[in-house]
């Protein structure tokens, strides 16, 4: 995959926030026009005993059964501290190393992180989607911002996530008797599309399968390389 080089990654805290605030105006929050046939999931695992990261991307053919067609991994070092709201500046460089190796160009990408459900409407999924110029969706396990009503204990039910009187995402129940996930548009998607893709790629687990499989991949890689 090719990607846009929008800025350097050697940034201060203040400059990183300025980058988010300037780039968010470039986001397109509309349903993609093309048919979604190939979808990817991406995740990052940390080595607790060093500054190494392990990134993974798995590409699937979307259908009744998700067919894995490609996977890619990369290893990198943390160059930016852990700061809530600035996760992309920590994880994006190693993720891009993994994406660069892909031969297939996914029609949409699911990220374990936020899209516009973010203090500056520019989470990891938005940032990566803009760089990769692909429809992107954030699907996080926890809330970063916003308020919401209780979600019925029925798979497919959701509550809108509101932040500063705007809908920034959905709190989506993907499986009964489990906690919901926090879905938000990243880039070149809208909320309805993001919810549909998240539900259509769940396979009996709380987390959509592309992200779940990417999570298993990076954890396996981390264990193998840190023995």
Protein backbone atom coordinates (compact mmCIF):
# COMPACT_ATOMS: atom_id res chain seq x y z
CA UNK A 1 0.00 0.00 0.00
CA UNK A 2 1.03 3.56 -0.65
CA UNK A 3 0.26 6.36 1.78
CA UNK A 4 0.34 10.12 2.17
CA UNK A 5 3.21 11.65 4.13
CA UNK A 6 1.29 14.41 5.87
CA UNK A 7 3.82 15.38 8.55
CA UNK A 8 6.88 14.25 10.46
CA UNK A 9 6.49 11.97 13.48
CA UNK A 10 9.15 13.75 15.54
CA UNK A 11 6.79 16.18 17.23
CA UNK A 12 6.30 17.81 20.59
CA UNK A 13 3.06 17.43 22.55
CA UNK A 14 1.94 20.91 21.51
CA UNK A 15 2.77 20.36 17.84
CA UNK A 16 0.99 16.99 17.79
CA UNK A 17 -2.22 18.65 18.95
CA UNK A 18 -1.81 21.32 16.28
CA UNK A 19 -1.45 18.58 13.64
CA UNK A 20 -4.69 16.95 14.80
CA UNK A 21 -6.57 20.22 14.77
CA UNK A 22 -5.37 21.10 11.26
CA UNK A 23 -5.83 17.66 9.68
CA UNK A 24 -9.33 16.97 11.06
CA UNK A 25 -10.78 19.46 8.57
CA UNK A 26 -9.66 17.12 5.78
CA UNK A 27 -11.78 14.22 7.04
CA UNK A 28 -14.64 13.00 4.84
CA UNK A 29 -17.50 11.63 6.93
CA UNK A 30 -19.64 10.09 4.21
CA UNK A 31 -20.45 6.52 3.25
CA UNK A 32 -17.92 5.21 0.70
CA UNK A 33 -19.21 4.92 -2.85
CA UNK A 34 -17.33 1.76 -3.77
CA UNK A 35 -18.54 -1.72 -2.85
CA UNK A 36 -16.76 -3.12 0.19
CA UNK A 37 -15.33 -6.52 -0.69
CA UNK A 38 -11.92 -6.50 1.02
CA UNK A 39 -11.55 -5.44 4.63
CA UNK A 40 -8.60 -5.24 6.98
CA UNK A 41 -8.12 -5.21 10.73
CA UNK A 42 -5.13 -3.65 12.47
CA UNK A 43 -3.73 -3.77 15.98
CA UNK A 44 -0.57 -3.07 17.99
CA UNK A 45 0.94 -4.96 20.93
CA UNK A 46 3.42 -3.48 23.41
CA UNK A 47 6.43 -5.12 25.02
CA UNK A 48 6.09 -4.21 28.70
CA UNK A 49 9.82 -4.61 29.28
CA UNK A 50 11.12 -2.40 26.49
CA UNK A 51 10.05 0.31 24.06
CA UNK A 52 9.29 -2.12 21.22
CA UNK A 53 5.94 -2.30 19.39
CA UNK A 54 4.52 -5.13 17.30
CA UNK A 55 2.03 -4.18 14.61
CA UNK A 56 -0.18 -6.47 12.57
CA UNK A 57 -2.64 -6.13 9.71
CA UNK A 58 -4.83 -8.94 8.39
CA UNK A 59 -6.80 -8.61 5.16
CA UNK A 60 -10.03 -10.53 4.56
CA UNK A 61 -12.42 -11.08 1.71
CA UNK A 62 -15.78 -10.01 3.06
CA UNK A 63 -18.68 -12.43 2.72
CA UNK A 64 -20.73 -14.95 4.69
CA UNK A 65 -17.41 -16.41 5.75
CA UNK A 66 -14.45 -14.09 6.21
CA UNK A 67 -11.62 -15.44 4.06
CA UNK A 68 -8.14 -14.39 5.13
CA UNK A 69 -6.12 -13.42 2.06
CA UNK A 70 -3.06 -11.67 3.50
CA UNK A 71 -1.32 -10.66 6.69
CA UNK A 72 1.56 -8.37 7.49
CA UNK A 73 3.56 -7.55 10.60
CA UNK A 74 6.17 -5.01 11.63
CA UNK A 75 8.32 -4.23 14.66
CA UNK A 76 9.27 -0.74 15.76
CA UNK A 77 10.30 1.38 18.71
CA UNK A 78 8.20 3.92 20.56
CA UNK A 79 9.23 7.46 19.67
CA UNK A 80 6.34 9.25 21.38
CA UNK A 81 5.14 8.94 25.00
CA UNK A 82 1.81 7.42 25.97
CA UNK A 83 -0.61 10.35 26.17
CA UNK A 84 -4.40 9.80 26.01
CA UNK A 85 -5.76 11.45 22.87
CA UNK A 86 -2.41 11.25 21.05
CA UNK A 87 -2.23 7.49 20.53
CA UNK A 88 -1.72 7.74 16.77
CA UNK A 89 1.62 9.52 17.20
CA UNK A 90 2.81 6.52 19.21
CA UNK A 91 1.33 3.67 17.14
CA UNK A 92 0.92 4.96 13.57
CA UNK A 93 4.59 4.72 12.50
CA UNK A 94 4.83 0.98 13.19
CA UNK A 95 1.36 0.37 11.77
CA UNK A 96 2.40 2.10 8.56
CA UNK A 97 5.40 -0.22 8.30
CA UNK A 98 2.98 -3.15 8.32
CA UNK A 99 0.54 -1.55 5.86
CA UNK A 100 3.36 -0.72 3.46
CA UNK A 101 4.06 -4.45 3.01
CA UNK A 102 0.51 -5.29 1.87
CA UNK A 103 -0.09 -6.33 -1.72
CA UNK A 104 -3.86 -5.96 -1.40
CA UNK A 105 -5.49 -2.55 -1.00
CA UNK A 106 -8.42 -2.99 1.43
CA UNK A 107 -11.68 -1.20 0.72
CA UNK A 108 -12.13 -0.45 4.45
CA UNK A 109 -9.99 -0.80 7.57
CA UNK A 110 -11.00 -1.46 11.18
CA UNK A 111 -8.72 -0.10 13.91
CA UNK A 112 -8.56 -0.91 17.61
CA UNK A 113 -8.94 2.74 18.57
CA UNK A 114 -11.11 5.79 18.12
CA UNK A 115 -12.22 7.63 15.01
CA UNK A 116 -13.92 10.98 15.62
CA UNK A 117 -15.00 9.92 19.14
CA UNK A 118 -12.02 11.88 20.35
CA UNK A 119 -11.41 15.20 22.15
CA UNK A 120 -10.29 16.81 18.88
CA UNK A 121 -12.34 14.53 16.54
CA UNK A 122 -9.13 12.94 15.28
CA UNK A 123 -8.34 9.57 16.82
CA UNK A 124 -6.14 6.75 15.52
CA UNK A 125 -8.67 5.53 12.92
CA UNK A 126 -9.16 9.05 11.54
CA UNK A 127 -5.43 9.75 11.41
CA UNK A 128 -4.59 6.41 9.75
CA UNK A 129 -7.52 6.64 7.36
CA UNK A 130 -6.36 10.05 6.15
CA UNK A 131 -2.77 8.89 5.71
CA UNK A 132 -3.78 5.68 3.91
CA UNK A 133 -6.58 7.44 2.01
CA UNK A 134 -8.94 4.56 2.76
CA UNK A 135 -12.32 4.28 4.53
CA UNK A 136 -11.51 3.68 8.19
CA UNK A 137 -13.48 2.78 11.29
CA UNK A 138 -12.59 3.02 14.96
CA UNK A 139 -13.75 0.17 17.18
CA UNK A 140 -12.50 0.64 20.73
CA UNK A 141 -13.06 -1.42 23.85
CA UNK A 142 -13.45 1.65 26.07
CA UNK A 143 -14.78 5.19 25.87
CA UNK A 144 -12.49 8.18 25.44
CA UNK A 145 -15.12 10.94 25.36
CA UNK A 146 -18.88 11.34 25.36
CA UNK A 147 -22.05 10.31 27.11
CA UNK A 148 -24.59 7.66 26.17
CA UNK A 149 -27.72 5.87 27.34
CA UNK A 150 -27.77 2.23 28.39
CA UNK A 151 -27.70 -0.23 25.51
CA UNK A 152 -30.22 -3.09 25.45
CA UNK A 153 -28.75 -6.54 26.00
CA UNK A 154 -29.44 -7.55 22.40
CA UNK A 155 -26.83 -8.03 19.68
CA UNK A 156 -27.09 -5.20 17.17
CA UNK A 157 -28.58 -2.65 19.58
CA UNK A 158 -26.72 0.58 20.12
CA UNK A 159 -26.85 3.98 21.78
CA UNK A 160 -25.54 7.14 20.17
CA UNK A 161 -22.37 8.53 21.72
CA UNK A 162 -22.71 12.27 22.29
CA UNK A 163 -19.86 14.69 22.86
CA UNK A 164 -20.38 18.44 23.10
CA UNK A 165 -23.92 18.00 21.74
CA UNK A 166 -22.72 16.15 18.63
CA UNK A 167 -23.04 12.48 17.69
CA UNK A 168 -19.47 11.18 17.42
CA UNK A 169 -20.09 7.45 17.51
CA UNK A 170 -22.18 4.57 18.76
CA UNK A 171 -22.00 2.29 21.78
CA UNK A 172 -22.70 -0.99 20.03
CA UNK A 173 -23.73 -4.31 21.53
CA UNK A 174 -22.09 -6.95 19.36
CA UNK A 175 -22.86 -9.90 21.64
CA UNK A 176 -25.34 -10.47 24.46
CA UNK A 177 -24.07 -10.51 28.04
CA UNK A 178 -20.84 -8.72 27.08
CA UNK A 179 -19.81 -5.10 27.27
CA UNK A 180 -20.51 -3.02 24.16
CA UNK A 181 -17.80 -1.60 21.90
CA UNK A 182 -17.33 2.04 20.93
CA UNK A 183 -17.63 2.49 17.18
CA UNK A 184 -16.94 5.75 15.37
CA UNK A 185 -16.25 6.88 11.80
CA UNK A 186 -12.59 7.48 11.00
CA UNK A 187 -12.32 8.79 7.44
CA UNK A 188 -14.45 8.31 4.31
CA UNK A 189 -17.19 6.65 6.38
CA UNK A 190 -20.31 7.66 8.27
CA UNK A 191 -21.71 6.22 11.49
CA UNK A 192 -24.35 4.02 9.83
CA UNK A 193 -21.70 2.44 7.62
CA UNK A 194 -19.30 1.99 10.55
CA UNK A 195 -21.95 0.19 12.61
CA UNK A 196 -22.90 -2.07 9.69
CA UNK A 197 -19.31 -3.09 8.99
CA UNK A 198 -18.60 -3.74 12.67
CA UNK A 199 -21.65 -5.99 12.98
CA UNK A 200 -21.10 -7.73 9.65
CA UNK A 201 -17.57 -8.70 10.64
CA UNK A 202 -18.39 -10.09 14.09
CA UNK A 203 -18.18 -13.88 14.30
CA UNK A 204 -19.50 -14.76 17.73
CA UNK A 205 -17.11 -12.59 19.72
CA UNK A 206 -17.37 -9.11 21.20
CA UNK A 207 -14.66 -7.69 18.92
CA UNK A 208 -15.09 -7.66 15.12
CA UNK A 209 -13.09 -10.53 13.64
CA UNK A 210 -10.55 -8.48 11.62
CA UNK A 211 -9.41 -6.66 14.77
CA UNK A 212 -9.62 -9.80 16.91
CA UNK A 213 -7.46 -11.75 14.48
CA UNK A 214 -4.97 -8.87 14.21
CA UNK A 215 -4.80 -8.81 18.02
CA UNK A 216 -4.01 -12.54 18.14
CA UNK A 217 -1.38 -12.07 15.42
CA UNK A 218 0.52 -9.28 17.18
CA UNK A 219 0.41 -11.01 20.55
CA UNK A 220 1.83 -14.17 18.97
CA UNK A 221 4.57 -12.12 17.31
CA UNK A 222 5.39 -10.33 20.58
CA UNK A 223 5.67 -13.60 22.49
CA UNK A 224 7.88 -15.15 19.81
CA UNK A 225 10.25 -12.17 19.69
CA UNK A 226 10.52 -11.54 23.43
CA UNK A 227 11.30 -15.06 24.63
